[in-house]
Amino acid sequence: MGFITAILLNYMEEESVFWMLHSIMENNKFNMKGHFMNGMPDLNKSFYKLIVLIKRYLPKIYDLFVFKMIKILEKGKSKPKHVCKSMVSYDFYN
């Protein structure tokens, strides 16, 4: 959230930035609150949506992700630290 705040502070006063962040977090249009809560519950949903869109519109990149994931899993790592939970649990083979 700090990077969002820093960008807004370049263009707005501190109080306006505070209320802008409040709007981003609370407004249903943006629905960003779940991205910054403990456990980041909405982040996995966003990554899942991204993977589905990549599979549909960028199949070559998706195939590269599948290839890289297979390489990671072949090395014996059950849940790589740099791969989000939704990518590990996502069924790449369908």
C-alpha atoms as a PDB file:
ATOM      1  CA  MET A   1       0.000   0.000   0.000  1.00  0.00           C
ATOM      2  CA  GLY A   2       3.011   2.245   0.491  1.00  0.00           C
ATOM      3  CA  PHE A   3       3.680   2.532  -3.227  1.00  0.00           C
ATOM      4  CA  ILE A   4       0.098   3.675  -3.827  1.00  0.00           C
ATOM      5  CA  THR A   5       0.427   6.256  -1.065  1.00  0.00           C
ATOM      6  CA  ALA A   6       3.758   7.496  -2.439  1.00  0.00           C
ATOM      7  CA  ILE A   7       2.316   8.027  -5.909  1.00  0.00           C
ATOM      8  CA  LEU A   8      -0.716   9.857  -4.547  1.00  0.00           C
ATOM      9  CA  LEU A   9       1.466  12.061  -2.321  1.00  0.00           C
ATOM     10  CA  ASN A  10       3.257  13.308  -5.413  1.00  0.00           C
ATOM     11  CA  TYR A  11       0.006  14.811  -6.684  1.00  0.00           C
ATOM     12  CA  MET A  12      -2.161  15.532  -3.642  1.00  0.00           C
ATOM     13  CA  GLU A  13      -2.115  16.923  -0.115  1.00  0.00           C
ATOM     14  CA  GLU A  14      -1.785  14.467   2.800  1.00  0.00           C
ATOM     15  CA  GLU A  15      -5.408  14.711   3.916  1.00  0.00           C
ATOM     16  CA  SER A  16      -6.668  14.176   0.368  1.00  0.00           C
ATOM     17  CA  VAL A  17      -4.419  11.112   0.063  1.00  0.00           C
ATOM     18  CA  PHE A  18      -5.862   9.717   3.296  1.00  0.00           C
ATOM     19  CA  TRP A  19      -9.429  10.061   2.028  1.00  0.00           C
ATOM     20  CA  MET A  20      -8.470   8.705  -1.397  1.00  0.00           C
ATOM     21  CA  LEU A  21      -6.984   5.583   0.249  1.00  0.00           C
ATOM     22  CA  HIS A  22     -10.108   5.257   2.366  1.00  0.00           C
ATOM     23  CA  SER A  23     -12.237   5.386  -0.788  1.00  0.00           C
ATOM     24  CA  ILE A  24     -10.068   2.816  -2.570  1.00  0.00           C
ATOM     25  CA  MET A  25     -10.332   0.416   0.358  1.00  0.00           C
ATOM     26  CA  GLU A  26     -14.016   0.827   1.206  1.00  0.00           C
ATOM     27  CA  ASN A  27     -15.680   1.492  -2.165  1.00  0.00           C
ATOM     28  CA  ASN A  28     -17.193  -1.611  -3.801  1.00  0.00           C
ATOM     29  CA  LYS A  29     -16.132  -0.301  -7.210  1.00  0.00           C
ATOM     30  CA  PHE A  30     -12.438  -0.796  -6.362  1.00  0.00           C
ATOM     31  CA  ASN A  31     -12.756  -3.472  -3.648  1.00  0.00           C
ATOM     32  CA  MET A  32      -9.078  -3.384  -2.681  1.00  0.00           C
ATOM     33  CA  LYS A  33      -9.512  -3.984   1.043  1.00  0.00           C
ATOM     34  CA  GLY A  34      -8.948  -7.750   0.764  1.00  0.00           C
ATOM     35  CA  HIS A  35      -5.601  -7.202  -0.976  1.00  0.00           C
ATOM     36  CA  PHE A  36      -4.149  -5.524   2.107  1.00  0.00           C
ATOM     37  CA  MET A  37      -5.765  -7.442   4.996  1.00  0.00           C
ATOM     38  CA  ASN A  38      -3.881 -10.079   6.991  1.00  0.00           C
ATOM     39  CA  GLY A  39      -3.605 -13.183   4.860  1.00  0.00           C
ATOM     40  CA  MET A  40      -4.483 -11.188   1.701  1.00  0.00           C
ATOM     41  CA  PRO A  41      -7.663 -13.187   0.938  1.00  0.00           C
ATOM     42  CA  ASP A  42      -8.492 -11.413  -2.336  1.00  0.00           C
ATOM     43  CA  LEU A  43      -4.978 -11.643  -3.736  1.00  0.00           C
ATOM     44  CA  ASN A  44      -5.320 -15.333  -4.627  1.00  0.00           C
ATOM     45  CA  LYS A  45      -8.595 -14.591  -6.428  1.00  0.00           C
ATOM     46  CA  SER A  46      -6.852 -11.893  -8.458  1.00  0.00           C
ATOM     47  CA  PHE A  47      -3.981 -14.214  -9.365  1.00  0.00           C
ATOM     48  CA  TYR A  48      -6.451 -16.912 -10.400  1.00  0.00           C
ATOM     49  CA  LYS A  49      -8.274 -14.448 -12.681  1.00  0.00           C
ATOM     50  CA  LEU A  50      -4.931 -13.367 -14.150  1.00  0.00           C
ATOM     51  CA  ILE A  51      -3.947 -16.965 -14.903  1.00  0.00           C
ATOM     52  CA  VAL A  52      -7.296 -17.665 -16.585  1.00  0.00           C
ATOM     53  CA  LEU A  53      -6.977 -14.522 -18.735  1.00  0.00           C
ATOM     54  CA  ILE A  54      -3.402 -15.386 -19.692  1.00  0.00           C
ATOM     55  CA  LYS A  55      -4.515 -18.898 -20.671  1.00  0.00           C
ATOM     56  CA  ARG A  56      -7.301 -17.503 -22.853  1.00  0.00           C
ATOM     57  CA  TYR A  57      -5.560 -14.548 -24.517  1.00  0.00           C
ATOM     58  CA  LEU A  58      -1.824 -15.369 -24.267  1.00  0.00           C
ATOM     59  CA  PRO A  59      -1.584 -19.147 -24.620  1.00  0.00           C
ATOM     60  CA  LYS A  60       2.158 -19.162 -25.446  1.00  0.00           C
ATOM     61  CA  ILE A  61       2.946 -17.346 -22.212  1.00  0.00           C
ATOM     62  CA  TYR A  62       0.603 -19.670 -20.352  1.00  0.00           C
ATOM     63  CA  ASP A  63       2.455 -22.675 -21.797  1.00  0.00           C
ATOM     64  CA  LEU A  64       5.723 -21.126 -20.611  1.00  0.00           C
ATOM     65  CA  PHE A  65       4.244 -20.790 -17.094  1.00  0.00           C
ATOM     66  CA  VAL A  66       3.213 -24.442 -17.209  1.00  0.00           C
ATOM     67  CA  PHE A  67       6.704 -25.449 -18.338  1.00  0.00           C
ATOM     68  CA  LYS A  68       8.352 -23.397 -15.583  1.00  0.00           C
ATOM     69  CA  MET A  69       5.935 -24.778 -12.960  1.00  0.00           C
ATOM     70  CA  ILE A  70       6.745 -28.329 -14.009  1.00  0.00           C
ATOM     71  CA  LYS A  71      10.454 -27.528 -13.716  1.00  0.00           C
ATOM     72  CA  ILE A  72       9.926 -26.139 -10.210  1.00  0.00           C
ATOM     73  CA  LEU A  73       7.857 -29.123  -9.111  1.00  0.00           C
ATOM     74  CA  GLU A  74      10.398 -31.563 -10.583  1.00  0.00           C
ATOM     75  CA  LYS A  75      13.066 -30.105  -8.304  1.00  0.00           C
ATOM     76  CA  GLY A  76      11.123 -31.480  -5.339  1.00  0.00           C
ATOM     77  CA  LYS A  77       9.720 -28.251  -3.975  1.00  0.00           C
ATOM     78  CA  SER A  78       6.156 -28.813  -2.863  1.00  0.00           C
ATOM     79  CA  LYS A  79       5.198 -25.133  -2.588  1.00  0.00           C
ATOM     80  CA  PRO A  80       7.747 -22.709  -4.032  1.00  0.00           C
ATOM     81  CA  LYS A  81       8.022 -19.492  -2.040  1.00  0.00           C
ATOM     82  CA  HIS A  82       7.995 -17.253  -5.110  1.00  0.00           C
ATOM     83  CA  VAL A  83       4.815 -18.761  -6.555  1.00  0.00           C
ATOM     84  CA  CYS A  84       1.472 -17.721  -5.108  1.00  0.00           C
ATOM     85  CA  LYS A  85      -0.875 -20.263  -3.540  1.00  0.00           C
ATOM     86  CA  SER A  86      -3.349 -20.056  -6.415  1.00  0.00           C
ATOM     87  CA  MET A  87      -0.679 -20.969  -8.991  1.00  0.00           C
ATOM     88  CA  VAL A  88       0.419 -23.994  -6.990  1.00  0.00           C
ATOM     89  CA  SER A  89      -3.145 -25.207  -6.544  1.00  0.00           C
ATOM     90  CA  TYR A  90      -4.235 -24.269 -10.079  1.00  0.00           C
ATOM     91  CA  ASP A  91      -4.727 -27.220 -12.407  1.00  0.00           C
ATOM     92  CA  PHE A  92      -2.312 -26.413 -15.230  1.00  0.00           C
ATOM     93  CA  TYR A  93      -2.988 -29.662 -17.019  1.00  0.00           C
ATOM     94  CA  ASN A  94      -6.589 -28.943 -18.098  1.00  0.00           C
END
